[in-house]
Amino acid sequence: MSKKAEIALTAAEQLLWNAKAKVRVLLNLWDEGKGEKKVNQGKLTKLIARTNETKKTYEEVLKELEEAGAIAYLREKGRSQVELTAKGKEVLAAGLKSQDSLFEFDGSQMGARLGNALLKWMRHEDGGVAVAVEAGKGDVGAIGV
């Protein structure tokens, strides 16, 4: 569903919105659950819903992710929780790294929380990033007093 419920999307626009929403959902779930923990369903809803969006806006996307095995719903201690599965991590990686990915941030601004989650994910996934360091002038000795 679109972020403005009163505006109907074409089928192509809906597919694009859903593709972007899936990556946002998975990235938020990965960040909140630290990649390993379960997240309360209500907390996830608060994280993913942007301005003018509600839980209902994401029902189709969440259902598709569950059917694909990317997320799993669990009932624990009377709370409904969502867990990012190994398949979900693969889908997230494909959504962020693939050349064919439709994911991009909408508008001219992006939320700091989601941007920081993306940075954390990149740092986690690419833990062995090599950075070229220019050779310095070498040891110049101690400074005399």
Protein backbone atom coordinates (compact mmCIF):
# COMPACT_ATOMS: atom_id res chain seq x y z
CA MET A 1 0.00 0.00 0.00
CA SER A 2 1.18 3.51 -0.64
CA LYS A 3 2.22 5.86 2.09
CA LYS A 4 -0.69 8.07 1.11
CA ALA A 5 -3.67 5.75 1.35
CA GLU A 6 -5.92 8.04 -0.68
CA ILE A 7 -3.67 7.76 -3.75
CA ALA A 8 -4.01 4.48 -5.62
CA LEU A 9 -0.82 3.06 -7.08
CA THR A 10 -0.53 1.33 -10.42
CA ALA A 11 0.50 -2.31 -10.34
CA ALA A 12 4.09 -1.40 -11.29
CA GLU A 13 4.27 1.32 -8.62
CA GLN A 14 2.90 -1.12 -6.02
CA LEU A 15 5.55 -3.72 -6.92
CA LEU A 16 8.30 -1.10 -6.59
CA TRP A 17 6.92 0.14 -3.25
CA ASN A 18 6.70 -3.45 -1.95
CA ALA A 19 10.29 -4.22 -3.03
CA LYS A 20 11.60 -1.16 -1.19
CA ALA A 21 9.40 -1.83 1.84
CA LYS A 22 10.72 -5.40 2.16
CA VAL A 23 14.29 -4.16 2.40
CA ARG A 24 13.30 -1.46 4.93
CA VAL A 25 11.46 -4.04 7.06
CA LEU A 26 14.35 -6.51 6.99
CA LEU A 27 16.95 -3.83 7.69
CA ASN A 28 14.95 -2.48 10.65
CA LEU A 29 14.41 -6.00 11.97
CA TRP A 30 18.10 -6.82 11.60
CA ASP A 31 19.13 -3.62 13.38
CA GLU A 32 16.64 -3.84 16.24
CA GLY A 33 17.31 -7.53 16.82
CA LYS A 34 21.08 -7.06 16.50
CA GLY A 35 20.94 -9.65 13.73
CA GLU A 36 20.13 -12.47 16.16
CA LYS A 37 17.29 -11.58 18.55
CA LYS A 38 13.54 -11.64 18.23
CA VAL A 39 11.70 -8.31 18.13
CA ASN A 40 8.25 -7.60 19.53
CA GLN A 41 5.80 -7.23 16.66
CA GLY A 42 4.50 -3.89 18.00
CA LYS A 43 8.05 -2.52 18.16
CA LEU A 44 8.69 -3.56 14.56
CA THR A 45 5.52 -1.84 13.43
CA LYS A 46 6.66 1.40 15.10
CA LEU A 47 10.06 1.12 13.44
CA ILE A 48 8.87 0.53 9.90
CA ALA A 49 5.83 2.80 9.68
CA ARG A 50 6.77 6.16 8.20
CA THR A 51 4.65 9.31 8.11
CA ASN A 52 1.06 8.51 7.08
CA GLU A 53 1.69 4.76 7.25
CA THR A 54 0.18 2.21 9.60
CA LYS A 55 0.51 -1.48 10.37
CA LYS A 56 -2.11 -2.14 7.71
CA THR A 57 0.14 -0.49 5.11
CA TYR A 58 2.70 -3.27 5.61
CA GLU A 59 0.39 -6.31 5.95
CA GLU A 60 0.98 -7.53 2.39
CA VAL A 61 4.76 -7.03 2.61
CA LEU A 62 5.01 -8.84 5.97
CA LYS A 63 2.88 -11.70 4.64
CA GLU A 64 5.13 -12.05 1.57
CA LEU A 65 8.26 -12.05 3.75
CA GLU A 66 6.77 -14.71 6.01
CA GLU A 67 5.71 -16.89 3.07
CA ALA A 68 9.22 -16.57 1.59
CA GLY A 69 10.70 -17.70 4.90
CA ALA A 70 12.53 -14.38 5.44
CA ILE A 71 10.79 -13.72 8.75
CA ALA A 72 9.13 -15.97 11.30
CA TYR A 73 6.39 -15.08 13.77
CA LEU A 74 6.69 -16.56 17.24
CA ARG A 75 4.50 -16.40 20.32
CA GLU A 76 6.61 -16.15 23.46
CA LYS A 77 5.52 -15.18 26.96
CA GLY A 78 2.21 -13.87 25.64
CA ARG A 79 3.90 -11.58 23.13
CA SER A 80 3.92 -11.84 19.39
CA GLN A 81 7.49 -11.60 18.15
CA VAL A 82 9.17 -11.48 14.77
CA GLU A 83 12.49 -13.09 13.97
CA LEU A 84 14.79 -12.50 11.02
CA THR A 85 15.70 -15.89 9.58
CA ALA A 86 18.86 -16.92 7.74
CA LYS A 87 16.83 -16.66 4.53
CA GLY A 88 15.83 -13.13 5.57
CA LYS A 89 19.49 -12.16 5.92
CA GLU A 90 20.06 -13.47 2.38
CA VAL A 91 17.10 -11.49 1.06
CA LEU A 92 18.37 -8.37 2.86
CA ALA A 93 21.85 -8.81 1.40
CA ALA A 94 20.42 -9.26 -2.09
CA GLY A 95 18.18 -6.22 -1.65
CA LEU A 96 21.08 -4.02 -0.63
CA LYS A 97 23.97 -5.38 -2.71
CA SER A 98 22.45 -6.64 -5.94
CA GLN A 99 22.91 -4.53 -9.06
CA ASP A 100 19.29 -5.41 -9.94
CA SER A 101 17.91 -4.26 -6.59
CA LEU A 102 15.08 -1.76 -6.70
CA PHE A 103 15.91 -0.43 -3.24
CA GLU A 104 16.67 3.23 -2.80
CA PHE A 105 15.70 5.86 -0.27
CA ASP A 106 12.63 7.84 -1.29
CA GLY A 107 12.49 11.62 -1.24
CA SER A 108 15.21 14.08 -0.46
CA GLN A 109 15.69 13.06 3.17
CA MET A 110 16.28 9.80 4.93
CA GLY A 111 15.81 8.96 8.58
CA ALA A 112 18.97 8.82 10.66
CA ARG A 113 17.90 5.56 12.34
CA LEU A 114 17.53 3.69 9.04
CA GLY A 115 20.69 5.27 7.63
CA ASN A 116 22.66 4.24 10.70
CA ALA A 117 21.20 0.74 10.49
CA LEU A 118 22.43 0.52 6.90
CA LEU A 119 25.91 1.62 7.95
CA LYS A 120 25.99 -0.95 10.77
CA TRP A 121 24.89 -3.67 8.38
CA MET A 122 27.57 -2.72 5.83
CA ARG A 123 30.26 -2.67 8.51
CA HIS A 124 29.09 -6.03 9.86
CA GLU A 125 28.90 -7.70 6.44
CA ASP A 126 32.15 -6.23 5.16
CA GLY A 127 34.12 -6.65 8.38
CA GLY A 128 37.38 -7.21 6.54
CA VAL A 129 37.35 -4.00 4.51
CA ALA A 130 40.86 -2.99 3.53
CA VAL A 131 41.77 0.68 3.51
CA ALA A 132 44.86 1.88 1.69
CA VAL A 133 47.13 3.93 3.92
CA GLU A 134 49.67 6.28 2.45
CA ALA A 135 53.17 5.77 3.74
CA GLY A 136 54.19 8.54 6.12
CA LYS A 137 57.55 10.25 6.45
CA GLY A 138 58.69 7.67 8.95
CA ASP A 139 59.93 8.06 12.50
CA VAL A 140 61.34 11.53 12.98
CA GLY A 141 62.53 10.86 16.52
CA ALA A 142 61.66 12.50 19.78
CA ILE A 143 61.00 16.19 20.12
CA GLY A 144 63.80 17.92 21.97
CA VAL A 145 63.03 20.20 24.88
